[in-house]
Protein backbone atom coordinates (compact mmCIF):
# COMPACT_ATOMS: atom_id res chain seq x y z
CA UNK A 1 29.55 -38.57 7.22
CA UNK A 2 27.94 -35.38 8.14
CA UNK A 3 24.33 -35.27 8.33
CA UNK A 4 22.48 -32.08 8.26
CA UNK A 5 18.96 -30.40 7.57
CA UNK A 6 17.86 -27.02 6.79
CA UNK A 7 14.23 -25.76 7.11
CA UNK A 8 12.48 -22.90 5.84
CA UNK A 9 9.20 -21.96 6.83
CA UNK A 10 6.75 -19.59 5.05
CA UNK A 11 3.01 -18.41 5.37
CA UNK A 12 0.66 -17.96 2.65
CA UNK A 13 -0.26 -14.29 4.17
CA UNK A 14 2.04 -11.90 6.02
CA UNK A 15 -1.23 -10.29 7.70
CA UNK A 16 -4.79 -11.74 8.31
CA UNK A 17 -7.65 -9.41 9.08
CA UNK A 18 -10.81 -11.69 9.88
CA UNK A 19 -11.81 -14.77 11.42
CA UNK A 20 -12.22 -17.68 9.30
CA UNK A 21 -9.26 -16.41 6.89
CA UNK A 22 -6.79 -19.29 6.10
CA UNK A 23 -3.09 -19.39 6.30
CA UNK A 24 -1.28 -22.18 4.62
CA UNK A 25 2.18 -22.62 6.28
CA UNK A 26 4.83 -24.35 3.93
CA UNK A 27 8.02 -25.86 5.46
CA UNK A 28 10.75 -26.52 3.09
CA UNK A 29 13.29 -29.19 4.27
CA UNK A 30 16.80 -29.49 2.55
CA UNK A 31 19.46 -32.03 3.05
CA UNK A 32 22.87 -30.04 3.65
CA UNK A 33 24.70 -32.62 4.56
CA UNK A 34 26.54 -35.48 2.78
CA UNK A 35 24.59 -38.63 3.71
CA UNK A 36 20.96 -39.67 2.98
CA UNK A 37 18.66 -38.86 5.77
CA UNK A 38 15.48 -41.34 6.43
CA UNK A 39 12.02 -40.50 8.39
CA UNK A 40 12.24 -36.86 7.31
CA UNK A 41 9.52 -34.88 8.90
CA UNK A 42 8.46 -31.66 10.52
CA UNK A 43 8.06 -31.20 14.09
CA UNK A 44 6.07 -28.40 15.62
CA UNK A 45 7.77 -26.40 18.82
CA UNK A 46 5.57 -23.60 19.12
CA UNK A 47 2.36 -22.15 17.79
CA UNK A 48 0.43 -19.18 19.14
CA UNK A 49 -2.86 -19.27 17.33
CA UNK A 50 -5.96 -20.13 19.53
CA UNK A 51 -7.25 -22.64 17.01
CA UNK A 52 -5.93 -25.94 16.07
CA UNK A 53 -3.33 -26.17 13.43
CA UNK A 54 -3.82 -29.25 10.85
CA UNK A 55 -1.71 -32.02 10.63
CA UNK A 56 1.46 -31.57 8.83
CA UNK A 57 1.44 -33.04 5.49
CA UNK A 58 4.48 -34.18 3.03
CA UNK A 59 4.22 -35.49 -0.52
CA UNK A 60 3.32 -39.36 -0.41
CA UNK A 61 6.27 -41.58 -0.60
CA UNK A 62 8.86 -38.74 0.36
CA UNK A 63 10.73 -40.33 3.64
CA UNK A 64 14.17 -39.88 2.87
CA UNK A 65 16.19 -37.09 1.27
CA UNK A 66 19.67 -37.54 -0.89
CA UNK A 67 22.21 -34.84 -0.23
CA UNK A 68 20.96 -31.68 -1.97
CA UNK A 69 17.32 -32.91 -2.11
CA UNK A 70 14.28 -31.14 -0.75
CA UNK A 71 10.64 -31.66 0.07
CA UNK A 72 8.01 -29.23 0.87
CA UNK A 73 5.43 -30.36 3.49
CA UNK A 74 2.03 -27.80 4.16
CA UNK A 75 -0.28 -27.25 6.97
CA UNK A 76 -3.42 -25.17 7.24
CA UNK A 77 -4.75 -22.96 9.86
CA UNK A 78 -8.10 -20.96 10.14
CA UNK A 79 -7.84 -17.65 11.83
CA UNK A 80 -10.22 -17.48 15.28
CA UNK A 81 -11.87 -14.19 16.59
CA UNK A 82 -9.49 -14.77 19.84
CA UNK A 83 -6.60 -14.75 17.17
CA UNK A 84 -7.60 -11.19 16.11
CA UNK A 85 -7.12 -9.76 19.82
CA UNK A 86 -3.53 -10.67 19.52
CA UNK A 87 -0.69 -9.00 17.87
CA UNK A 88 0.23 -11.83 15.79
CA UNK A 89 0.38 -15.65 15.26
CA UNK A 90 3.78 -17.02 15.53
CA UNK A 91 5.00 -20.74 14.28
CA UNK A 92 8.27 -22.44 15.08
CA UNK A 93 9.00 -25.63 13.88
CA UNK A 94 12.31 -27.90 13.35
CA UNK A 95 12.92 -30.29 10.40
CA UNK A 96 13.92 -34.24 11.64
CA UNK A 97 15.30 -36.99 10.54
CA UNK A 98 17.35 -40.08 10.96
CA UNK A 99 20.83 -41.40 9.90
CA UNK A 100 21.04 -44.83 10.72
CA UNK A 101 20.05 -44.49 14.62
CA UNK A 102 21.46 -40.99 14.93
CA UNK A 103 18.66 -38.21 14.96
CA UNK A 104 19.22 -35.25 12.64
CA UNK A 105 17.35 -31.96 13.56
CA UNK A 106 17.37 -28.54 12.01
CA UNK A 107 17.83 -25.31 13.37
CA UNK A 108 14.43 -23.75 14.58
CA UNK A 109 12.43 -21.78 11.68
CA UNK A 110 9.69 -19.27 12.62
CA UNK A 111 7.34 -17.24 10.98
CA UNK A 112 5.26 -14.53 12.24
CA UNK A 113 1.81 -13.53 10.57
CA UNK A 114 0.78 -10.07 11.69
CA UNK A 115 -2.95 -9.30 12.83
CA UNK A 116 -4.80 -6.03 11.41
CA UNK A 117 -7.99 -6.52 12.48
CA UNK A 118 -10.64 -3.77 11.49
CA UNK A 119 -11.39 -1.39 14.38
CA UNK A 120 -15.17 -1.80 15.90
CA UNK A 121 -16.80 1.61 16.26
CA UNK A 122 -18.68 2.45 19.69
CA UNK A 123 -22.24 2.15 18.84
CA UNK A 124 -24.45 5.42 19.86
CA UNK A 125 -21.60 7.58 20.26
CA UNK A 126 -22.81 11.22 19.46
CA UNK A 127 -19.23 12.93 19.25
CA UNK A 128 -20.01 14.97 22.53
CA UNK A 129 -17.50 13.78 24.90
CA UNK A 130 -18.61 16.15 27.89
CA UNK A 131 -22.58 16.61 28.39
CA UNK A 132 -21.68 18.60 31.71
CA UNK A 133 -20.37 21.44 29.89
CA UNK A 134 -22.92 21.54 27.03
CA UNK A 135 -25.51 21.32 29.98
CA UNK A 136 -24.06 24.45 31.69
CA UNK A 137 -23.81 26.46 28.50
CA UNK A 138 -27.66 25.51 27.89
CA UNK A 139 -28.36 26.83 31.53
CA UNK A 140 -26.53 29.77 30.81
CA UNK A 141 -27.78 31.01 27.86
CA UNK A 142 -31.46 30.42 29.45
CA UNK A 143 -30.48 32.53 32.40
CA UNK A 144 -29.06 35.32 30.35
CA UNK A 145 -32.47 35.16 28.39
CA UNK A 146 -34.49 35.37 31.46
CA UNK A 147 -32.83 38.35 32.66
CA UNK A 148 -33.02 40.30 29.49
CA UNK A 149 -36.65 39.74 29.96
CA UNK A 150 -36.79 40.87 33.49
CA UNK A 151 -34.80 43.92 32.40
CA UNK A 152 -37.19 44.72 29.59
CA UNK A 153 -40.25 44.76 31.46
CA UNK A 154 -38.66 46.78 34.28
CA UNK A 155 -37.98 49.35 31.79
CA UNK A 156 -41.78 49.72 30.52
CA UNK A 157 -43.19 50.21 33.99
CA UNK A 158 -40.82 53.48 34.91
């Protein structure tokens, strides 16, 4: 006997942009061996989301896979505002099962969902980066105007 499982994991979206957005993860398990595998399921290995991933659910009644058979299980995740401050949400899992008393585990499968959060503008920004240079210019123009008045008055008195 050669028991073997494979797992292909996908996400319903490739990029998230807002808190409250849903990601549905799909886990396709295939019996790639030559014997029936019992107690088939999915085991999460790592998840970088800041919220809670729902329980992984598989179709009712599917607990064994004959060679070549497959089943797709799913889990749901709701994006949090803390997730939007990260570069992505990574999720890695393996498929598991049993052949008599021997555990069978697939290679890990990972899916990465990118985060593209909108940039929040700075409130009250006027576009002037350097107030000091504007002040110097205003004072300089004011000073030149005052000098022009002084010279003009002196000309009249002579």
